[in-house]
PDB file of all heavy atoms in Angstrom:
ATOM      1  N   VAL A   1      -4.643   7.458  14.067  1.00  0.00           N
ATOM      2  CA  VAL A   1      -5.007   6.101  14.491  1.00  0.00           C
ATOM      3  C   VAL A   1      -6.046   5.496  13.547  1.00  0.00           C
ATOM      4  O   VAL A   1      -5.892   4.365  13.060  1.00  0.00           O
ATOM      5  CB  VAL A   1      -5.540   6.107  15.943  1.00  0.00           C
ATOM      6  CG1 VAL A   1      -6.078   4.717  16.323  1.00  0.00           C
ATOM      7  CG2 VAL A   1      -4.442   6.525  16.910  1.00  0.00           C
ATOM      8  N   LEU A   2      -7.109   6.263  13.278  1.00  0.00           N
ATOM      9  CA  LEU A   2      -8.217   5.731  12.487  1.00  0.00           C
ATOM     10  C   LEU A   2      -7.861   5.534  11.020  1.00  0.00           C
ATOM     11  O   LEU A   2      -8.373   4.619  10.373  1.00  0.00           O
ATOM     12  CB  LEU A   2      -9.436   6.653  12.602  1.00  0.00           C
ATOM     13  CG  LEU A   2     -10.096   6.747  13.980  1.00  0.00           C
ATOM     14  CD1 LEU A   2     -11.295   7.672  13.939  1.00  0.00           C
ATOM     15  CD2 LEU A   2     -10.519   5.353  14.460  1.00  0.00           C
ATOM     16  N   ILE A   3      -6.969   6.375  10.481  1.00  0.00           N
ATOM     17  CA  ILE A   3      -6.654   6.264   9.057  1.00  0.00           C
ATOM     18  C   ILE A   3      -5.925   4.954   8.763  1.00  0.00           C
ATOM     19  O   ILE A   3      -6.084   4.373   7.683  1.00  0.00           O
ATOM     20  CB  ILE A   3      -5.817   7.475   8.573  1.00  0.00           C
ATOM     21  CG1 ILE A   3      -5.852   7.571   7.035  1.00  0.00           C
ATOM     22  CG2 ILE A   3      -4.381   7.392   9.064  1.00  0.00           C
ATOM     23  CD1 ILE A   3      -7.224   7.772   6.456  1.00  0.00           C
ATOM     24  N   THR A   4      -5.139   4.469   9.707  1.00  0.00           N
ATOM     25  CA  THR A   4      -4.456   3.187   9.518  1.00  0.00           C
ATOM     26  C   THR A   4      -5.465   2.045   9.495  1.00  0.00           C
ATOM     27  O   THR A   4      -5.367   1.126   8.679  1.00  0.00           O
ATOM     28  CB  THR A   4      -3.424   2.960  10.628  1.00  0.00           C
ATOM     29  OG1 THR A   4      -2.440   4.000  10.569  1.00  0.00           O
ATOM     30  CG2 THR A   4      -2.735   1.616  10.463  1.00  0.00           C
ATOM     31  N   LYS A   5      -6.448   2.101  10.407  1.00  0.00           N
ATOM     32  CA  LYS A   5      -7.492   1.081  10.432  1.00  0.00           C
ATOM     33  C   LYS A   5      -8.275   1.095   9.122  1.00  0.00           C
ATOM     34  O   LYS A   5      -8.610   0.037   8.564  1.00  0.00           O
ATOM     35  CB  LYS A   5      -8.441   1.314  11.614  1.00  0.00           C
ATOM     36  CG  LYS A   5      -7.771   1.166  12.977  1.00  0.00           C
ATOM     37  CD  LYS A   5      -8.766   1.338  14.099  1.00  0.00           C
ATOM     38  CE  LYS A   5      -8.086   1.205  15.461  1.00  0.00           C
ATOM     39  NZ  LYS A   5      -7.520  -0.154  15.663  1.00  0.00           N
ATOM     40  N   TRP A   6      -8.558   2.304   8.616  1.00  0.00           N
ATOM     41  CA  TRP A   6      -9.281   2.398   7.339  1.00  0.00           C
ATOM     42  C   TRP A   6      -8.429   1.877   6.195  1.00  0.00           C
ATOM     43  O   TRP A   6      -8.937   1.171   5.310  1.00  0.00           O
ATOM     44  CB  TRP A   6      -9.688   3.843   7.050  1.00  0.00           C
ATOM     45  CG  TRP A   6     -10.328   3.970   5.702  1.00  0.00           C
ATOM     46  CD1 TRP A   6     -11.635   3.705   5.380  1.00  0.00           C
ATOM     47  CD2 TRP A   6      -9.689   4.350   4.474  1.00  0.00           C
ATOM     48  NE1 TRP A   6     -11.848   3.897   4.039  1.00  0.00           N
ATOM     49  CE2 TRP A   6     -10.667   4.293   3.455  1.00  0.00           C
ATOM     50  CE3 TRP A   6      -8.394   4.732   4.147  1.00  0.00           C
ATOM     51  CZ2 TRP A   6     -10.388   4.606   2.126  1.00  0.00           C
ATOM     52  CZ3 TRP A   6      -8.106   5.045   2.826  1.00  0.00           C
ATOM     53  CH2 TRP A   6      -9.087   4.975   1.832  1.00  0.00           C
ATOM     54  N   ARG A   7      -7.142   2.210   6.171  1.00  0.00           N
ATOM     55  CA  ARG A   7      -6.240   1.736   5.112  1.00  0.00           C
ATOM     56  C   ARG A   7      -6.292   0.208   5.023  1.00  0.00           C
ATOM     57  O   ARG A   7      -6.435  -0.353   3.940  1.00  0.00           O
ATOM     58  CB  ARG A   7      -4.801   2.171   5.407  1.00  0.00           C
ATOM     59  CG  ARG A   7      -4.371   3.501   4.843  1.00  0.00           C
ATOM     60  CD  ARG A   7      -2.888   3.670   5.099  1.00  0.00           C
ATOM     61  NE  ARG A   7      -2.399   4.992   4.778  1.00  0.00           N
ATOM     62  CZ  ARG A   7      -1.867   5.349   3.608  1.00  0.00           C
ATOM     63  NH1 ARG A   7      -1.803   4.454   2.639  1.00  0.00           N
ATOM     64  NH2 ARG A   7      -1.426   6.575   3.403  1.00  0.00           N
ATOM     65  N   ILE A   8      -6.156  -0.434   6.168  1.00  0.00           N
ATOM     66  CA  ILE A   8      -6.122  -1.899   6.185  1.00  0.00           C
ATOM     67  C   ILE A   8      -7.437  -2.470   5.669  1.00  0.00           C
ATOM     68  O   ILE A   8      -7.443  -3.389   4.833  1.00  0.00           O
ATOM     69  CB  ILE A   8      -5.818  -2.405   7.609  1.00  0.00           C
ATOM     70  CG1 ILE A   8      -4.385  -2.024   7.995  1.00  0.00           C
ATOM     71  CG2 ILE A   8      -6.021  -3.914   7.709  1.00  0.00           C
ATOM     72  CD1 ILE A   8      -4.033  -2.322   9.437  1.00  0.00           C
ATOM     73  N   TRP A   9      -8.563  -1.914   6.145  1.00  0.00           N
ATOM     74  CA  TRP A   9      -9.870  -2.407   5.685  1.00  0.00           C
ATOM     75  C   TRP A   9     -10.056  -2.154   4.192  1.00  0.00           C
ATOM     76  O   TRP A   9     -10.458  -3.044   3.442  1.00  0.00           O
ATOM     77  CB  TRP A   9     -10.996  -1.725   6.469  1.00  0.00           C
ATOM     78  CG  TRP A   9     -12.347  -2.076   5.906  1.00  0.00           C
ATOM     79  CD1 TRP A   9     -13.097  -3.182   6.192  1.00  0.00           C
ATOM     80  CD2 TRP A   9     -13.077  -1.333   4.923  1.00  0.00           C
ATOM     81  NE1 TRP A   9     -14.251  -3.182   5.449  1.00  0.00           N
ATOM     82  CE2 TRP A   9     -14.263  -2.053   4.654  1.00  0.00           C
ATOM     83  CE3 TRP A   9     -12.843  -0.140   4.244  1.00  0.00           C
ATOM     84  CZ2 TRP A   9     -15.215  -1.606   3.753  1.00  0.00           C
ATOM     85  CZ3 TRP A   9     -13.787   0.292   3.322  1.00  0.00           C
ATOM     86  CH2 TRP A   9     -14.966  -0.433   3.083  1.00  0.00           C
ATOM     87  N   ALA A  10      -9.775  -0.914   3.755  1.00  0.00           N
ATOM     88  CA  ALA A  10     -10.043  -0.526   2.378  1.00  0.00           C
ATOM     89  C   ALA A  10      -9.168  -1.282   1.380  1.00  0.00           C
ATOM     90  O   ALA A  10      -9.664  -1.835   0.392  1.00  0.00           O
ATOM     91  CB  ALA A  10      -9.845   0.985   2.212  1.00  0.00           C
ATOM     92  N   PHE A  11      -7.864  -1.332   1.630  1.00  0.00           N
ATOM     93  CA  PHE A  11      -6.970  -1.982   0.672  1.00  0.00           C
ATOM     94  C   PHE A  11      -7.086  -3.509   0.725  1.00  0.00           C
ATOM     95  O   PHE A  11      -6.633  -4.191  -0.189  1.00  0.00           O
ATOM     96  CB  PHE A  11      -5.529  -1.540   0.912  1.00  0.00           C
ATOM     97  CG  PHE A  11      -5.275  -0.126   0.475  1.00  0.00           C
ATOM     98  CD1 PHE A  11      -5.199   0.911   1.398  1.00  0.00           C
ATOM     99  CD2 PHE A  11      -5.147   0.177  -0.861  1.00  0.00           C
ATOM    100  CE1 PHE A  11      -4.990   2.223   0.982  1.00  0.00           C
ATOM    101  CE2 PHE A  11      -4.931   1.482  -1.291  1.00  0.00           C
ATOM    102  CZ  PHE A  11      -4.859   2.506  -0.364  1.00  0.00           C
ATOM    103  N   THR A  12      -7.719  -4.023   1.762  1.00  0.00           N
ATOM    104  CA  THR A  12      -8.011  -5.451   1.813  1.00  0.00           C
ATOM    105  C   THR A  12      -9.238  -5.787   0.971  1.00  0.00           C
ATOM    106  O   THR A  12      -9.282  -6.816   0.285  1.00  0.00           O
ATOM    107  CB  THR A  12      -8.250  -5.909   3.271  1.00  0.00           C
ATOM    108  OG1 THR A  12      -7.065  -5.697   4.030  1.00  0.00           O
ATOM    109  CG2 THR A  12      -8.619  -7.387   3.331  1.00  0.00           C
ATOM    110  N   ASN A  13     -10.239  -4.916   0.991  1.00  0.00           N
ATOM    111  CA  ASN A  13     -11.537  -5.220   0.400  1.00  0.00           C
ATOM    112  C   ASN A  13     -11.793  -4.625  -0.975  1.00  0.00           C
ATOM    113  O   ASN A  13     -12.803  -4.956  -1.604  1.00  0.00           O
ATOM    114  CB  ASN A  13     -12.645  -4.763   1.358  1.00  0.00           C
ATOM    115  CG  ASN A  13     -12.707  -5.606   2.611  1.00  0.00           C
ATOM    116  OD1 ASN A  13     -13.199  -6.726   2.588  1.00  0.00           O
ATOM    117  ND2 ASN A  13     -12.177  -5.080   3.713  1.00  0.00           N
ATOM    118  N   VAL A  14     -10.931  -3.747  -1.445  1.00  0.00           N
ATOM    119  CA  VAL A  14     -11.125  -3.124  -2.760  1.00  0.00           C
ATOM    120  C   VAL A  14     -10.141  -3.724  -3.758  1.00  0.00           C
ATOM    121  O   VAL A  14      -8.948  -3.850  -3.464  1.00  0.00           O
ATOM    122  CB  VAL A  14     -10.941  -1.594  -2.679  1.00  0.00           C
ATOM    123  CG1 VAL A  14     -11.004  -0.963  -4.063  1.00  0.00           C
ATOM    124  CG2 VAL A  14     -12.017  -0.991  -1.785  1.00  0.00           C
ATOM    125  N   ARG A  15     -10.624  -4.091  -4.927  1.00  0.00           N
ATOM    126  CA  ARG A  15      -9.774  -4.700  -5.960  1.00  0.00           C
ATOM    127  C   ARG A  15      -8.855  -3.676  -6.607  1.00  0.00           C
ATOM    128  O   ARG A  15      -7.650  -3.890  -6.745  1.00  0.00           O
ATOM    129  CB  ARG A  15     -10.656  -5.369  -7.033  1.00  0.00           C
ATOM    130  CG  ARG A  15      -9.947  -5.752  -8.322  1.00  0.00           C
ATOM    131  CD  ARG A  15      -8.803  -6.736  -8.088  1.00  0.00           C
ATOM    132  NE  ARG A  15      -8.165  -7.147  -9.325  1.00  0.00           N
ATOM    133  CZ  ARG A  15      -7.252  -6.458  -9.974  1.00  0.00           C
ATOM    134  NH1 ARG A  15      -6.851  -5.276  -9.498  1.00  0.00           N
ATOM    135  NH2 ARG A  15      -6.716  -6.918 -11.089  1.00  0.00           N
ATOM    136  N   ASN A  16      -9.409  -2.523  -7.009  1.00  0.00           N
ATOM    137  CA  ASN A  16      -8.632  -1.514  -7.738  1.00  0.00           C
ATOM    138  C   ASN A  16      -7.911  -0.587  -6.757  1.00  0.00           C
ATOM    139  O   ASN A  16      -8.353   0.540  -6.479  1.00  0.00           O
ATOM    140  CB  ASN A  16      -9.539  -0.705  -8.670  1.00  0.00           C
ATOM    141  CG  ASN A  16      -9.995  -1.525  -9.866  1.00  0.00           C
ATOM    142  OD1 ASN A  16      -9.519  -2.635 -10.105  1.00  0.00           O
ATOM    143  ND2 ASN A  16     -10.918  -0.983 -10.634  1.00  0.00           N
ATOM    144  N   VAL A  17      -6.785  -1.071  -6.239  1.00  0.00           N
ATOM    145  CA  VAL A  17      -6.080  -0.327  -5.190  1.00  0.00           C
ATOM    146  C   VAL A  17      -5.423   0.942  -5.716  1.00  0.00           C
ATOM    147  O   VAL A  17      -5.261   1.921  -4.977  1.00  0.00           O
ATOM    148  CB  VAL A  17      -5.034  -1.218  -4.493  1.00  0.00           C
ATOM    149  CG1 VAL A  17      -5.716  -2.306  -3.687  1.00  0.00           C
ATOM    150  CG2 VAL A  17      -4.053  -1.832  -5.491  1.00  0.00           C
ATOM    151  N   HIS A  18      -5.025   0.953  -6.987  1.00  0.00           N
ATOM    152  CA  HIS A  18      -4.415   2.164  -7.554  1.00  0.00           C
ATOM    153  C   HIS A  18      -5.436   3.300  -7.592  1.00  0.00           C
ATOM    154  O   HIS A  18      -5.140   4.431  -7.183  1.00  0.00           O
ATOM    155  CB  HIS A  18      -3.880   1.880  -8.962  1.00  0.00           C
ATOM    156  CG  HIS A  18      -2.774   0.881  -9.009  1.00  0.00           C
ATOM    157  ND1 HIS A  18      -1.470   1.208  -8.735  1.00  0.00           N
ATOM    158  CD2 HIS A  18      -2.783  -0.451  -9.279  1.00  0.00           C
ATOM    159  CE1 HIS A  18      -0.707   0.129  -8.842  1.00  0.00           C
ATOM    160  NE2 HIS A  18      -1.483  -0.891  -9.171  1.00  0.00           N
ATOM    161  N   ALA A  19      -6.640   2.986  -8.075  1.00  0.00           N
ATOM    162  CA  ALA A  19      -7.706   3.991  -8.137  1.00  0.00           C
ATOM    163  C   ALA A  19      -8.119   4.417  -6.739  1.00  0.00           C
ATOM    164  O   ALA A  19      -8.408   5.596  -6.495  1.00  0.00           O
ATOM    165  CB  ALA A  19      -8.909   3.430  -8.896  1.00  0.00           C
ATOM    166  N   LEU A  20      -8.145   3.476  -5.815  1.00  0.00           N
ATOM    167  CA  LEU A  20      -8.514   3.787  -4.432  1.00  0.00           C
ATOM    168  C   LEU A  20      -7.527   4.771  -3.811  1.00  0.00           C
ATOM    169  O   LEU A  20      -7.927   5.742  -3.160  1.00  0.00           O
ATOM    170  CB  LEU A  20      -8.557   2.502  -3.602  1.00  0.00           C
ATOM    171  CG  LEU A  20      -8.781   2.679  -2.097  1.00  0.00           C
ATOM    172  CD1 LEU A  20     -10.128   3.333  -1.827  1.00  0.00           C
ATOM    173  CD2 LEU A  20      -8.688   1.334  -1.380  1.00  0.00           C
ATOM    174  N   LYS A  21      -6.250   4.530  -4.023  1.00  0.00           N
ATOM    175  CA  LYS A  21      -5.236   5.403  -3.440  1.00  0.00           C
ATOM    176  C   LYS A  21      -5.317   6.812  -4.023  1.00  0.00           C
ATOM    177  O   LYS A  21      -5.246   7.808  -3.288  1.00  0.00           O
ATOM    178  CB  LYS A  21      -3.847   4.821  -3.687  1.00  0.00           C
ATOM    179  CG  LYS A  21      -2.732   5.551  -2.951  1.00  0.00           C
ATOM    180  CD  LYS A  21      -1.421   4.811  -3.089  1.00  0.00           C
ATOM    181  CE  LYS A  21      -0.315   5.466  -2.282  1.00  0.00           C
ATOM    182  NZ  LYS A  21       0.954   4.721  -2.367  1.00  0.00           N
ATOM    183  N   LYS A  22      -5.495   6.914  -5.342  1.00  0.00           N
ATOM    184  CA  LYS A  22      -5.623   8.226  -5.980  1.00  0.00           C
ATOM    185  C   LYS A  22      -6.830   8.979  -5.429  1.00  0.00           C
ATOM    186  O   LYS A  22      -6.756  10.171  -5.131  1.00  0.00           O
ATOM    187  CB  LYS A  22      -5.763   8.059  -7.494  1.00  0.00           C
ATOM    188  CG  LYS A  22      -4.487   7.674  -8.211  1.00  0.00           C
ATOM    189  CD  LYS A  22      -4.742   7.560  -9.713  1.00  0.00           C
ATOM    190  CE  LYS A  22      -3.480   7.143 -10.453  1.00  0.00           C
ATOM    191  NZ  LYS A  22      -3.736   6.995 -11.911  1.00  0.00           N
ATOM    192  N   GLU A  23      -7.952   8.261  -5.307  1.00  0.00           N
ATOM    193  CA  GLU A  23      -9.178   8.903  -4.846  1.00  0.00           C
ATOM    194  C   GLU A  23      -9.079   9.289  -3.380  1.00  0.00           C
ATOM    195  O   GLU A  23      -9.618  10.322  -2.971  1.00  0.00           O
ATOM    196  CB  GLU A  23     -10.369   7.964  -5.071  1.00  0.00           C
ATOM    197  CG  GLU A  23     -11.723   8.610  -4.877  1.00  0.00           C
ATOM    198  CD  GLU A  23     -11.970   9.768  -5.829  1.00  0.00           C
ATOM    199  OE1 GLU A  23     -11.427   9.745  -6.964  1.00  0.00           O
ATOM    200  OE2 GLU A  23     -12.687  10.705  -5.440  1.00  0.00           O
ATOM    201  N   ALA A  24      -8.394   8.482  -2.581  1.00  0.00           N
ATOM    202  CA  ALA A  24      -8.223   8.797  -1.160  1.00  0.00           C
ATOM    203  C   ALA A  24      -7.389  10.062  -0.979  1.00  0.00           C
ATOM    204  O   ALA A  24      -7.675  10.897  -0.112  1.00  0.00           O
ATOM    205  CB  ALA A  24      -7.570   7.620  -0.438  1.00  0.00           C
ATOM    206  N   ILE A  25      -6.359  10.224  -1.800  1.00  0.00           N
ATOM    207  CA  ILE A  25      -5.535  11.439  -1.754  1.00  0.00           C
ATOM    208  C   ILE A  25      -6.344  12.629  -2.231  1.00  0.00           C
ATOM    209  O   ILE A  25      -6.323  13.703  -1.633  1.00  0.00           O
ATOM    210  CB  ILE A  25      -4.264  11.258  -2.607  1.00  0.00           C
ATOM    211  CG1 ILE A  25      -3.356  10.189  -1.995  1.00  0.00           C
ATOM    212  CG2 ILE A  25      -3.514  12.585  -2.736  1.00  0.00           C
ATOM    213  CD1 ILE A  25      -2.168   9.818  -2.855  1.00  0.00           C
ATOM    214  N   ARG A  26      -7.090  12.430  -3.314  1.00  0.00           N
ATOM    215  CA  ARG A  26      -7.912  13.497  -3.887  1.00  0.00           C
ATOM    216  C   ARG A  26      -8.993  13.942  -2.904  1.00  0.00           C
ATOM    217  O   ARG A  26      -9.339  15.125  -2.840  1.00  0.00           O
ATOM    218  CB  ARG A  26      -8.542  12.992  -5.188  1.00  0.00           C
ATOM    219  CG  ARG A  26      -9.193  14.059  -6.044  1.00  0.00           C
ATOM    220  CD  ARG A  26      -9.740  13.418  -7.301  1.00  0.00           C
ATOM    221  NE  ARG A  26      -8.691  12.861  -8.119  1.00  0.00           N
ATOM    222  CZ  ARG A  26      -8.849  11.863  -8.983  1.00  0.00           C
ATOM    223  NH1 ARG A  26     -10.029  11.306  -9.131  1.00  0.00           N
ATOM    224  NH2 ARG A  26      -7.846  11.431  -9.712  1.00  0.00           N
ATOM    225  N   SER A  27      -9.521  12.989  -2.119  1.00  0.00           N
ATOM    226  CA  SER A  27     -10.572  13.289  -1.143  1.00  0.00           C
ATOM    227  C   SER A  27      -9.998  13.768   0.186  1.00  0.00           C
ATOM    228  O   SER A  27     -10.747  13.970   1.147  1.00  0.00           O
ATOM    229  CB  SER A  27     -11.435  12.043  -0.908  1.00  0.00           C
ATOM    230  OG  SER A  27     -12.028  11.597  -2.110  1.00  0.00           O
ATOM    231  N   MET A  28      -8.666  13.887   0.261  1.00  0.00           N
ATOM    232  CA  MET A  28      -7.969  14.373   1.451  1.00  0.00           C
ATOM    233  C   MET A  28      -8.176  13.457   2.660  1.00  0.00           C
ATOM    234  O   MET A  28      -8.199  13.901   3.802  1.00  0.00           O
ATOM    235  CB  MET A  28      -8.395  15.806   1.775  1.00  0.00           C
ATOM    236  CG  MET A  28      -8.053  16.795   0.669  1.00  0.00           C
ATOM    237  SD  MET A  28      -8.625  18.473   0.979  1.00  0.00           S
ATOM    238  CE  MET A  28      -7.600  18.908   2.401  1.00  0.00           C
ATOM    239  N   LEU A  29      -8.310  12.147   2.376  1.00  0.00           N
ATOM    240  CA  LEU A  29      -8.334  11.159   3.449  1.00  0.00           C
ATOM    241  C   LEU A  29      -6.913  10.828   3.877  1.00  0.00           C
ATOM    242  O   LEU A  29      -6.629  10.691   5.069  1.00  0.00           O
ATOM    243  CB  LEU A  29      -9.045   9.883   2.973  1.00  0.00           C
ATOM    244  CG  LEU A  29     -10.528   9.726   3.298  1.00  0.00           C
ATOM    245  CD1 LEU A  29     -11.070   8.454   2.661  1.00  0.00           C
ATOM    246  CD2 LEU A  29     -10.766   9.716   4.791  1.00  0.00           C
ATOM    247  N   ILE A  30      -6.038  10.653   2.889  1.00  0.00           N
ATOM    248  CA  ILE A  30      -4.628  10.338   3.162  1.00  0.00           C
ATOM    249  C   ILE A  30      -3.755  11.343   2.422  1.00  0.00           C
ATOM    250  O   ILE A  30      -4.223  12.089   1.564  1.00  0.00           O
ATOM    251  CB  ILE A  30      -4.270   8.907   2.728  1.00  0.00           C
ATOM    252  CG1 ILE A  30      -4.449   8.745   1.206  1.00  0.00           C
ATOM    253  CG2 ILE A  30      -5.110   7.884   3.482  1.00  0.00           C
ATOM    254  CD1 ILE A  30      -4.003   7.387   0.686  1.00  0.00           C
ATOM    255  N   TRP A  31      -2.460  11.322   2.763  1.00  0.00           N
ATOM    256  CA  TRP A  31      -1.493  12.212   2.121  1.00  0.00           C
ATOM    257  C   TRP A  31      -0.647  11.418   1.135  1.00  0.00           C
ATOM    258  O   TRP A  31      -0.631  10.195   1.146  1.00  0.00           O
ATOM    259  CB  TRP A  31      -0.585  12.862   3.167  1.00  0.00           C
ATOM    260  CG  TRP A  31      -1.324  13.749   4.117  1.00  0.00           C
ATOM    261  CD1 TRP A  31      -1.900  13.383   5.294  1.00  0.00           C
ATOM    262  CD2 TRP A  31      -1.583  15.151   3.968  1.00  0.00           C
ATOM    263  NE1 TRP A  31      -2.496  14.467   5.901  1.00  0.00           N
ATOM    264  CE2 TRP A  31      -2.321  15.560   5.098  1.00  0.00           C
ATOM    265  CE3 TRP A  31      -1.261  16.095   2.987  1.00  0.00           C
ATOM    266  CZ2 TRP A  31      -2.739  16.877   5.283  1.00  0.00           C
ATOM    267  CZ3 TRP A  31      -1.677  17.411   3.181  1.00  0.00           C
ATOM    268  CH2 TRP A  31      -2.398  17.787   4.310  1.00  0.00           C
TER     269      TRP A  31
END
């Protein structure tokens, strides 16, 4: 539930979405 809320907030507010996605996977936030 919470990861979807974070996805929406993060990808809305961060410019470099490619780097964000890589780092989120690397940090084991998302798969």
